[in-house]
Amino acid sequence: MEHYAHFVNWFRGSSPYIHAHRNKTFVIAFGGEAVLAEDFDHHVHDFALLNSLGIRLVLVHGIRPQIDQRLSKLNAEPRFNNNLRITDALALQCVKEAAGMVRVEIEALLSLGLANSPMSGAKIKVASGNFVTAKPLGVIDGIDYCHTGEVRRIDSVSIHQQLDQDNVVLISPIGYSPSGEVFNLSAEQVATAVAIALKAEKLILLTEQSCLNPENDAAIQQMTTDEVSAFLQAHPQLPDTISQPLKASIQACQSGISRVHLINRCQDGALLLELFTRDGIGTLISSMPFEELRPAVLSDIGGILELIKPLEQQGILAKRSREKIEMEIADYLVIDRDGLIIGCLALHPNQPRQLGVLACLAVHPKYQGSARANRLLDYAYRKAKQLNLKRLFVLSTQTAHWFIERGFLQSDLSKLPEPLKALYNPQRNSKVLCKDLE
């Protein structure tokens, strides 16, 4: 039963994302390595599930290892410069063969409908075509890239027409010129250009490894584009399997894509975990912070009440009605994590007397231990100084030591200014703490 309860809770928790993602356009890119992997059918099952949930899906696949395999059979050495293939006539022939073979393999997997399988009843229609117009990369620093090209234009109108018919659009990393030439393209560049042209809600890059901080091997959950730029500068030796997707994410976000996800394709179910859980499992790149500390607004009241309710029941916080919070909403600060209020703190000022009261400090249990309470307190200090407050008071029953560790001093009820004594509830017997602001 515990297993069933976990599933029910997860499924209920995923429902906001199911609603949010419906009818949205996602562009998902994956390398040729993913296609060769034994578990690639799992990814296809997940693509089919996204399609069944009403997500407009564009898949962009890579073919690098498939090209290398064909060149190897011809005893030809693959040639690269700056992570770009130099596509001579022989390599171009291998590109055409690899692209055709991979496209057919993916279409075949998306066409499966065996009973008692994840694809049962899927009936997915797949559309491919000459959606990408390309031009030659040319000669750079004396290197002739031959038939390697770059994206010139994406036929977004035709792609949207296919998506409007509930088709999954499958795009190979090949582009065509108006003169009929064929060019080998970077799958990441194609996916980025497609996402930008379609004004997609998400660009999802299935990578060969997780995005880790080289200094401690810790997984990086989220970064802004500015943080990505600084990260790339600080770590120039990052492998191309991570640095290239990070560079693509900057371009996408700067061109209007709200969110780019880097997901380790080696983790089974990672795509679903990233899209249908609040914290995800990959690395989220966005122009604006995914988690924001800001002044509260009226629409936050429900989230604040949900956050503080358990603490009120435990007697840690005094009970507050919805009406009271609504009247004092301008005094509240919140931490908003993708629409969930995970932290709050109220600063009730008395500007004529240049003092204030801190109240209602709460952090969601799942997000404690990451200095979020300190961030709320620091923000409150800055706000208090802007209001020209000279002294802050806290009335606390169970968190007095936390405030003492941060410079508050024990006081007593007799030293409370008259306006604050009215806030004191003798039944709670709260400790009185105060701190002078410099």
Protein backbone atom coordinates (compact mmCIF):
# COMPACT_ATOMS: atom_id res chain seq x y z
CA MET A 1 0.00 0.00 0.00
CA GLU A 2 2.89 2.36 0.68
CA HIS A 3 4.01 1.91 -2.93
CA TYR A 4 0.52 2.79 -4.16
CA ALA A 5 0.35 5.83 -1.89
CA HIS A 6 3.66 7.09 -3.30
CA PHE A 7 2.33 6.71 -6.85
CA VAL A 8 -0.94 8.48 -6.00
CA ASN A 9 0.89 11.38 -4.37
CA TRP A 10 3.27 11.69 -7.33
CA PHE A 11 0.43 11.55 -9.86
CA ARG A 12 -1.53 14.21 -7.99
CA GLY A 13 1.58 16.35 -7.73
CA SER A 14 2.15 16.09 -11.47
CA SER A 15 -1.33 17.36 -12.38
CA PRO A 16 -0.40 21.09 -12.35
CA TYR A 17 2.35 20.35 -14.87
CA ILE A 18 0.06 18.23 -17.04
CA HIS A 19 -2.31 21.21 -17.26
CA ALA A 20 0.52 23.71 -17.78
CA HIS A 21 2.21 21.72 -20.58
CA ARG A 22 -0.91 20.90 -22.61
CA ASN A 23 -0.89 22.50 -26.08
CA LYS A 24 2.61 23.87 -25.49
CA THR A 25 5.44 23.36 -27.99
CA PHE A 26 8.54 21.51 -26.76
CA VAL A 27 11.64 20.95 -28.88
CA ILE A 28 13.66 17.94 -27.71
CA ALA A 29 17.17 17.28 -29.02
CA PHE A 30 19.21 14.12 -28.49
CA GLY A 31 22.45 12.83 -29.95
CA GLY A 32 23.10 9.81 -32.10
CA GLU A 33 24.53 8.13 -29.00
CA ALA A 34 21.03 8.03 -27.53
CA VAL A 35 19.69 6.32 -30.64
CA LEU A 36 22.38 3.62 -30.40
CA ALA A 37 21.74 2.99 -26.70
CA GLU A 38 19.90 -0.17 -25.65
CA ASP A 39 17.36 1.84 -23.68
CA PHE A 40 16.43 4.25 -26.51
CA ASP A 41 12.98 2.67 -26.67
CA HIS A 42 12.38 4.07 -23.15
CA HIS A 43 12.89 7.58 -24.50
CA VAL A 44 10.50 6.86 -27.34
CA HIS A 45 7.90 5.67 -24.82
CA ASP A 46 8.33 8.95 -22.95
CA PHE A 47 7.99 10.95 -26.19
CA ALA A 48 4.75 9.08 -26.88
CA LEU A 49 3.49 9.88 -23.38
CA LEU A 50 4.21 13.59 -23.85
CA ASN A 51 2.34 13.48 -27.14
CA SER A 52 -0.64 11.77 -25.49
CA LEU A 53 -0.75 14.55 -22.88
CA GLY A 54 -1.31 17.14 -25.59
CA ILE A 55 2.24 18.47 -25.87
CA ARG A 56 3.22 19.66 -29.37
CA LEU A 57 6.46 17.78 -29.89
CA VAL A 58 9.40 18.45 -32.20
CA LEU A 59 12.25 15.93 -32.05
CA VAL A 60 15.72 16.77 -33.38
CA HIS A 61 18.17 13.87 -33.51
CA GLY A 62 21.93 13.74 -33.94
CA ILE A 63 23.96 11.34 -36.09
CA ARG A 64 27.62 11.89 -35.16
CA PRO A 65 28.49 8.30 -34.06
CA GLN A 66 26.55 6.85 -36.98
CA ILE A 67 28.62 8.95 -39.41
CA ASP A 68 31.83 7.88 -37.67
CA GLN A 69 30.83 4.22 -37.95
CA ARG A 70 30.33 4.54 -41.70
CA LEU A 71 33.59 6.39 -42.19
CA SER A 72 35.39 3.72 -40.19
CA LYS A 73 34.06 1.00 -42.46
CA LEU A 74 35.50 2.96 -45.40
CA ASN A 75 38.86 3.30 -43.59
CA ALA A 76 38.40 7.07 -43.55
CA GLU A 77 39.39 9.17 -40.54
CA PRO A 78 36.71 11.56 -39.18
CA ARG A 79 37.99 15.14 -39.24
CA PHE A 80 36.91 17.84 -36.78
CA ASN A 81 37.87 21.39 -35.95
CA ASN A 82 36.36 23.38 -33.07
CA ASN A 83 33.93 20.50 -32.47
CA LEU A 84 32.61 20.82 -36.05
CA ARG A 85 32.95 18.06 -38.60
CA ILE A 86 34.79 18.85 -41.81
CA THR A 87 32.31 17.28 -44.22
CA ASP A 88 34.07 16.37 -47.47
CA ALA A 89 32.32 14.49 -50.28
CA LEU A 90 32.86 11.08 -48.67
CA ALA A 91 31.71 12.28 -45.27
CA LEU A 92 28.63 13.86 -46.85
CA GLN A 93 27.65 10.52 -48.33
CA CYS A 94 27.94 9.00 -44.86
CA VAL A 95 25.86 11.89 -43.45
CA LYS A 96 23.04 11.18 -45.89
CA GLU A 97 23.08 7.44 -45.14
CA ALA A 98 23.20 7.99 -41.36
CA ALA A 99 20.42 10.58 -41.37
CA GLY A 100 18.13 8.39 -43.43
CA MET A 101 18.77 5.30 -41.34
CA VAL A 102 18.29 7.05 -37.99
CA ARG A 103 15.14 8.81 -39.14
CA VAL A 104 13.62 5.52 -40.27
CA GLU A 105 14.56 3.82 -36.99
CA ILE A 106 12.93 6.55 -34.92
CA GLU A 107 9.82 6.59 -37.08
CA ALA A 108 9.56 2.81 -36.70
CA LEU A 109 9.78 3.02 -32.90
CA LEU A 110 7.19 5.80 -32.80
CA SER A 111 4.89 3.62 -34.92
CA LEU A 112 4.86 0.72 -32.44
CA GLY A 113 1.47 -0.21 -31.01
CA LEU A 114 1.94 -3.62 -29.47
CA ALA A 115 -0.59 -4.68 -26.86
CA ASN A 116 0.64 -4.74 -23.25
CA SER A 117 3.39 -2.24 -24.09
CA PRO A 118 3.76 1.48 -23.30
CA MET A 119 3.03 2.22 -26.97
CA SER A 120 -0.27 0.35 -27.01
CA GLY A 121 -2.91 2.51 -28.68
CA ALA A 122 -0.53 5.45 -29.20
CA LYS A 123 -1.16 5.81 -32.97
CA ILE A 124 1.44 8.54 -33.36
CA LYS A 125 1.78 10.26 -36.71
CA VAL A 126 5.31 11.39 -37.55
CA ALA A 127 6.12 14.15 -40.02
CA SER A 128 9.55 14.86 -41.50
CA GLY A 129 10.54 17.20 -44.29
CA ASN A 130 12.77 19.91 -45.69
CA PHE A 131 12.02 22.33 -42.87
CA VAL A 132 15.62 23.61 -42.56
CA THR A 133 17.26 25.90 -45.09
CA ALA A 134 21.04 26.03 -44.68
CA LYS A 135 24.10 27.76 -46.06
CA PRO A 136 27.75 26.66 -46.14
CA LEU A 137 29.94 27.45 -43.19
CA GLY A 138 32.74 28.20 -45.67
CA VAL A 139 36.40 28.73 -44.85
CA ILE A 140 37.23 29.84 -41.30
CA ASP A 141 40.83 30.51 -40.19
CA GLY A 142 42.04 28.74 -43.30
CA ILE A 143 39.93 25.62 -42.67
CA ASP A 144 37.48 24.67 -45.42
CA TYR A 145 34.50 22.97 -43.78
CA CYS A 146 33.26 21.79 -47.19
CA HIS A 147 29.65 20.54 -46.83
CA THR A 148 29.30 21.53 -43.18
CA GLY A 149 26.75 24.30 -42.93
CA GLU A 150 24.75 26.45 -40.56
CA VAL A 151 21.06 27.18 -40.28
CA ARG A 152 19.81 29.96 -42.51
CA ARG A 153 16.06 29.70 -42.01
CA ILE A 154 13.45 27.45 -40.39
CA ASP A 155 10.11 26.91 -42.12
CA SER A 156 8.13 27.51 -38.94
CA VAL A 157 4.81 27.82 -40.79
CA SER A 158 5.06 24.29 -42.19
CA ILE A 159 6.15 22.86 -38.84
CA HIS A 160 3.21 24.53 -37.08
CA GLN A 161 0.86 23.09 -39.70
CA GLN A 162 2.11 19.60 -38.87
CA LEU A 163 1.82 20.23 -35.11
CA ASP A 164 -1.71 21.55 -35.60
CA GLN A 165 -2.59 18.14 -37.05
CA ASP A 166 -1.28 16.44 -33.85
CA ASN A 167 1.78 15.12 -35.67
CA VAL A 168 5.13 14.66 -33.98
CA VAL A 169 7.69 16.48 -36.13
CA LEU A 170 11.04 14.70 -36.56
CA ILE A 171 13.96 16.77 -37.86
CA SER A 172 17.39 15.47 -38.92
CA PRO A 173 20.55 17.63 -38.65
CA ILE A 174 20.57 18.28 -42.38
CA GLY A 175 19.77 21.46 -44.25
CA TYR A 176 19.13 22.26 -47.88
CA SER A 177 20.04 25.29 -49.95
CA PRO A 178 17.80 26.89 -52.62
CA SER A 179 20.25 25.50 -55.20
CA GLY A 180 19.64 21.95 -53.99
CA GLU A 181 22.84 21.45 -52.00
CA VAL A 182 22.84 19.33 -48.84
CA PHE A 183 24.65 20.47 -45.68
CA ASN A 184 25.62 18.65 -42.51
CA LEU A 185 24.49 20.64 -39.47
CA SER A 186 24.93 20.58 -35.72
CA ALA A 187 21.89 18.95 -34.10
CA GLU A 188 22.07 21.39 -31.18
CA GLN A 189 22.17 24.36 -33.55
CA VAL A 190 19.19 23.00 -35.49
CA ALA A 191 17.20 22.36 -32.28
CA THR A 192 17.98 25.85 -30.98
CA ALA A 193 17.02 27.49 -34.28
CA VAL A 194 13.80 25.46 -34.46
CA ALA A 195 12.83 26.35 -30.88
CA ILE A 196 13.45 30.04 -31.53
CA ALA A 197 11.55 30.04 -34.84
CA LEU A 198 8.57 28.23 -33.32
CA LYS A 199 8.66 30.40 -30.17
CA ALA A 200 8.60 27.14 -28.24
CA GLU A 201 7.90 27.10 -24.53
CA LYS A 202 10.82 24.78 -23.85
CA LEU A 203 14.03 23.58 -25.47
CA ILE A 204 15.08 20.25 -23.95
CA LEU A 205 18.59 18.93 -24.57
CA LEU A 206 19.15 15.27 -23.67
CA THR A 207 22.85 15.20 -22.82
CA GLU A 208 25.37 12.41 -22.37
CA GLN A 209 26.14 13.40 -18.79
CA SER A 210 24.76 15.52 -15.98
CA CYS A 211 25.75 19.15 -15.57
CA LEU A 212 28.02 19.09 -12.52
CA ASN A 213 30.07 21.70 -10.73
CA PRO A 214 33.71 20.67 -11.38
CA GLU A 215 34.72 22.01 -7.98
CA ASN A 216 32.65 19.53 -5.95
CA ASP A 217 30.86 17.28 -8.48
CA ALA A 218 27.52 18.53 -7.19
CA ALA A 219 24.62 18.55 -9.63
CA ILE A 220 23.61 22.03 -10.79
CA GLN A 221 19.83 22.36 -10.58
CA GLN A 222 19.39 25.77 -12.12
CA MET A 223 21.28 28.71 -13.60
CA THR A 224 20.44 32.00 -15.21
CA THR A 225 22.04 32.84 -18.54
CA ASP A 226 24.41 35.24 -16.77
CA GLU A 227 25.43 32.45 -14.42
CA VAL A 228 25.96 30.08 -17.37
CA SER A 229 28.26 32.60 -19.05
CA ALA A 230 30.27 33.02 -15.87
CA PHE A 231 30.35 29.23 -15.38
CA LEU A 232 31.74 28.66 -18.88
CA GLN A 233 34.40 31.32 -18.35
CA ALA A 234 35.41 29.86 -15.00
CA HIS A 235 35.62 26.31 -16.38
CA PRO A 236 37.06 26.43 -19.91
CA GLN A 237 38.00 22.74 -19.77
CA LEU A 238 34.41 21.50 -19.60
CA PRO A 239 33.76 18.60 -21.99
CA ASP A 240 31.96 19.48 -25.21
CA THR A 241 29.07 17.23 -24.16
CA ILE A 242 28.19 19.88 -21.56
CA SER A 243 29.74 23.12 -22.84
CA GLN A 244 27.94 22.96 -26.19
CA PRO A 245 24.45 22.48 -24.68
CA LEU A 246 25.18 25.29 -22.22
CA LYS A 247 26.13 27.63 -25.06
CA ALA A 248 23.00 26.63 -26.94
CA SER A 249 20.90 27.40 -23.86
CA ILE A 250 22.27 30.95 -23.68
CA GLN A 251 21.38 31.59 -27.32
CA ALA A 252 17.90 30.13 -26.87
CA CYS A 253 17.08 32.12 -23.73
CA GLN A 254 18.43 35.35 -25.20
CA SER A 255 16.15 34.77 -28.18
CA GLY A 256 12.98 34.42 -26.14
CA ILE A 257 12.82 30.78 -25.02
CA SER A 258 11.73 31.00 -21.39
CA ARG A 259 13.31 27.75 -20.23
CA VAL A 260 15.98 25.35 -21.47
CA HIS A 261 16.45 21.98 -19.76
CA LEU A 262 19.64 19.94 -19.81
CA ILE A 263 18.79 16.35 -18.88
CA ASN A 264 21.12 13.37 -18.59
CA ARG A 265 19.58 10.90 -21.03
CA CYS A 266 21.32 7.99 -19.24
CA GLN A 267 18.93 8.31 -16.28
CA ASP A 268 15.80 6.28 -16.97
CA GLY A 269 12.67 8.45 -16.82
CA ALA A 270 14.70 11.65 -16.39
CA LEU A 271 12.58 13.48 -18.98
CA LEU A 272 9.37 12.79 -17.05
CA LEU A 273 10.97 13.62 -13.70
CA GLU A 274 12.20 16.94 -15.06
CA LEU A 275 8.89 17.96 -16.58
CA PHE A 276 6.40 16.66 -14.02
CA THR A 277 8.04 17.29 -10.64
CA ARG A 278 8.71 20.65 -9.04
CA ASP A 279 12.45 20.21 -8.50
CA GLY A 280 13.15 18.10 -11.57
CA ILE A 281 16.30 16.08 -12.08
CA GLY A 282 18.22 18.04 -14.71
CA THR A 283 19.60 21.57 -15.04
CA LEU A 284 17.19 24.39 -15.76
CA ILE A 285 18.50 27.42 -17.65
CA SER A 286 16.44 30.61 -17.79
CA SER A 287 16.93 34.32 -18.26
CA MET A 288 15.26 35.05 -14.93
CA PRO A 289 15.79 33.15 -11.65
CA PHE A 290 13.71 30.00 -11.22
CA GLU A 291 13.46 30.81 -7.50
CA GLU A 292 12.71 34.39 -6.58
CA LEU A 293 12.66 36.31 -3.30
CA ARG A 294 10.20 39.18 -3.67
CA PRO A 295 7.49 41.24 -1.93
CA ALA A 296 4.24 39.32 -1.57
CA VAL A 297 1.15 40.07 -3.61
CA LEU A 298 -2.50 39.19 -3.01
CA SER A 299 -2.31 36.05 -5.14
CA ASP A 300 0.31 34.68 -2.70
CA ILE A 301 -2.12 34.54 0.25
CA GLY A 302 -3.21 30.96 -0.41
CA GLY A 303 0.41 29.82 -0.64
CA ILE A 304 1.35 31.65 2.58
CA LEU A 305 -1.55 30.07 4.46
CA GLU A 306 -0.61 26.62 3.17
CA LEU A 307 3.00 27.17 4.27
CA ILE A 308 2.31 28.42 7.79
CA LYS A 309 -0.62 26.12 8.66
CA PRO A 310 1.55 23.25 10.00
CA LEU A 311 3.60 25.70 12.08
CA GLU A 312 0.44 27.22 13.55
CA GLN A 313 -0.80 23.74 14.47
CA GLN A 314 2.50 23.06 16.25
CA GLY A 315 2.28 26.35 18.13
CA ILE A 316 5.45 27.70 16.51
CA LEU A 317 3.55 30.54 14.83
CA ALA A 318 0.56 32.51 16.06
CA LYS A 319 -2.59 31.84 14.04
CA ARG A 320 -3.40 34.36 11.31
CA SER A 321 -6.62 34.63 9.39
CA ARG A 322 -6.79 35.10 5.64
CA GLU A 323 -8.32 38.52 6.26
CA LYS A 324 -5.43 39.61 8.49
CA ILE A 325 -2.80 38.49 5.97
CA GLU A 326 -4.72 40.23 3.20
CA MET A 327 -4.76 43.50 5.17
CA GLU A 328 -1.02 43.23 5.88
CA ILE A 329 0.11 41.69 2.56
CA ALA A 330 2.39 44.66 1.84
CA ASP A 331 4.44 43.69 4.92
CA TYR A 332 5.20 40.15 3.66
CA LEU A 333 8.19 38.83 1.77
CA VAL A 334 8.05 35.47 0.02
CA ILE A 335 10.32 33.00 -1.76
CA ASP A 336 8.55 31.82 -4.90
CA ARG A 337 9.86 28.59 -6.42
CA ASP A 338 8.16 28.03 -9.76
CA GLY A 339 4.78 29.09 -8.38
CA LEU A 340 5.13 27.44 -4.96
CA ILE A 341 5.59 29.68 -1.91
CA ILE A 342 8.41 27.96 0.00
CA GLY A 343 9.32 30.76 2.41
CA CYS A 344 7.84 33.88 3.97
CA LEU A 345 8.59 36.58 6.52
CA ALA A 346 6.61 39.63 7.60
CA LEU A 347 8.09 42.98 8.56
CA HIS A 348 5.45 45.12 10.30
CA PRO A 349 6.86 48.67 10.42
CA ASN A 350 6.00 51.55 12.70
CA GLN A 351 7.74 54.38 10.90
CA PRO A 352 6.81 57.22 13.28
CA ARG A 353 8.63 55.38 16.08
CA GLN A 354 11.31 54.01 13.69
CA LEU A 355 10.80 50.41 14.78
CA GLY A 356 9.42 47.23 13.34
CA VAL A 357 8.36 43.70 14.22
CA LEU A 358 9.48 40.58 12.39
CA ALA A 359 6.88 37.83 12.30
CA CYS A 360 5.67 34.76 10.46
CA LEU A 361 9.09 33.38 9.46
CA ALA A 362 8.56 30.05 7.74
CA VAL A 363 10.42 27.86 5.25
CA HIS A 364 8.94 24.76 3.63
CA PRO A 365 10.40 21.63 5.31
CA LYS A 366 11.58 20.26 1.96
CA TYR A 367 13.65 23.39 1.30
CA GLN A 368 15.23 23.99 4.68
CA GLY A 369 18.98 23.90 5.22
CA SER A 370 19.91 26.10 2.26
CA ALA A 371 20.08 29.49 4.01
CA ARG A 372 16.68 30.58 2.69
CA ALA A 373 15.65 31.89 6.12
CA ASN A 374 18.86 33.94 6.18
CA ARG A 375 18.00 35.37 2.77
CA LEU A 376 14.56 36.40 4.02
CA LEU A 377 16.08 38.02 7.09
CA ASP A 378 18.69 39.90 5.04
CA TYR A 379 15.98 41.15 2.70
CA ALA A 380 13.96 42.31 5.74
CA TYR A 381 17.01 44.18 7.06
CA ARG A 382 17.38 46.02 3.73
CA LYS A 383 13.70 46.88 3.68
CA ALA A 384 13.85 48.11 7.30
CA LYS A 385 16.79 50.40 6.49
CA GLN A 386 14.94 51.76 3.45
CA LEU A 387 12.07 52.62 5.80
CA ASN A 388 14.59 54.26 8.16
CA LEU A 389 13.77 51.85 11.02
CA LYS A 390 16.28 51.83 13.88
CA ARG A 391 15.19 48.79 15.91
CA LEU A 392 13.57 45.43 15.16
CA PHE A 393 11.62 43.25 17.59
CA VAL A 394 10.75 39.56 17.42
CA LEU A 395 8.19 37.68 19.51
CA SER A 396 9.15 34.00 19.47
CA THR A 397 8.15 30.83 21.30
CA GLN A 398 10.45 28.19 19.76
CA THR A 399 12.93 29.95 17.47
CA ALA A 400 14.49 32.45 19.86
CA HIS A 401 17.95 30.86 19.64
CA TRP A 402 17.95 31.15 15.85
CA PHE A 403 17.44 34.91 16.15
CA ILE A 404 19.95 35.22 19.01
CA GLU A 405 22.57 33.55 16.79
CA ARG A 406 21.93 36.34 14.29
CA GLY A 407 22.52 39.22 16.67
CA PHE A 408 19.18 39.64 18.46
CA LEU A 409 19.26 40.22 22.21
CA GLN A 410 16.82 38.99 24.80
CA SER A 411 14.55 41.67 26.16
CA ASP A 412 11.35 41.63 28.19
CA LEU A 413 7.77 42.71 27.82
CA SER A 414 8.23 45.87 29.86
CA LYS A 415 10.68 47.21 27.27
CA LEU A 416 8.30 46.74 24.37
CA PRO A 417 7.02 50.06 23.02
CA GLU A 418 3.33 50.63 23.63
CA PRO A 419 2.21 50.00 20.03
CA LEU A 420 3.89 46.57 20.15
CA LYS A 421 2.50 45.50 23.51
CA ALA A 422 -0.90 45.19 21.85
CA LEU A 423 0.55 42.42 19.66
CA TYR A 424 1.67 40.38 22.64
CA ASN A 425 -0.45 37.33 23.55
CA PRO A 426 0.19 36.35 27.20
CA GLN A 427 -1.14 32.83 26.54
CA ARG A 428 1.70 32.16 24.09
CA ASN A 429 4.27 33.53 26.57
CA SER A 430 6.58 34.48 23.70
CA LYS A 431 10.15 35.56 24.34
CA VAL A 432 10.90 39.17 23.41
CA LEU A 433 14.00 39.80 21.29
CA CYS A 434 15.31 43.00 19.80
CA LYS A 435 18.12 44.20 17.55
CA ASP A 436 19.37 47.68 16.76
CA LEU A 437 20.07 48.40 13.10
CA GLU A 438 23.23 50.24 12.22
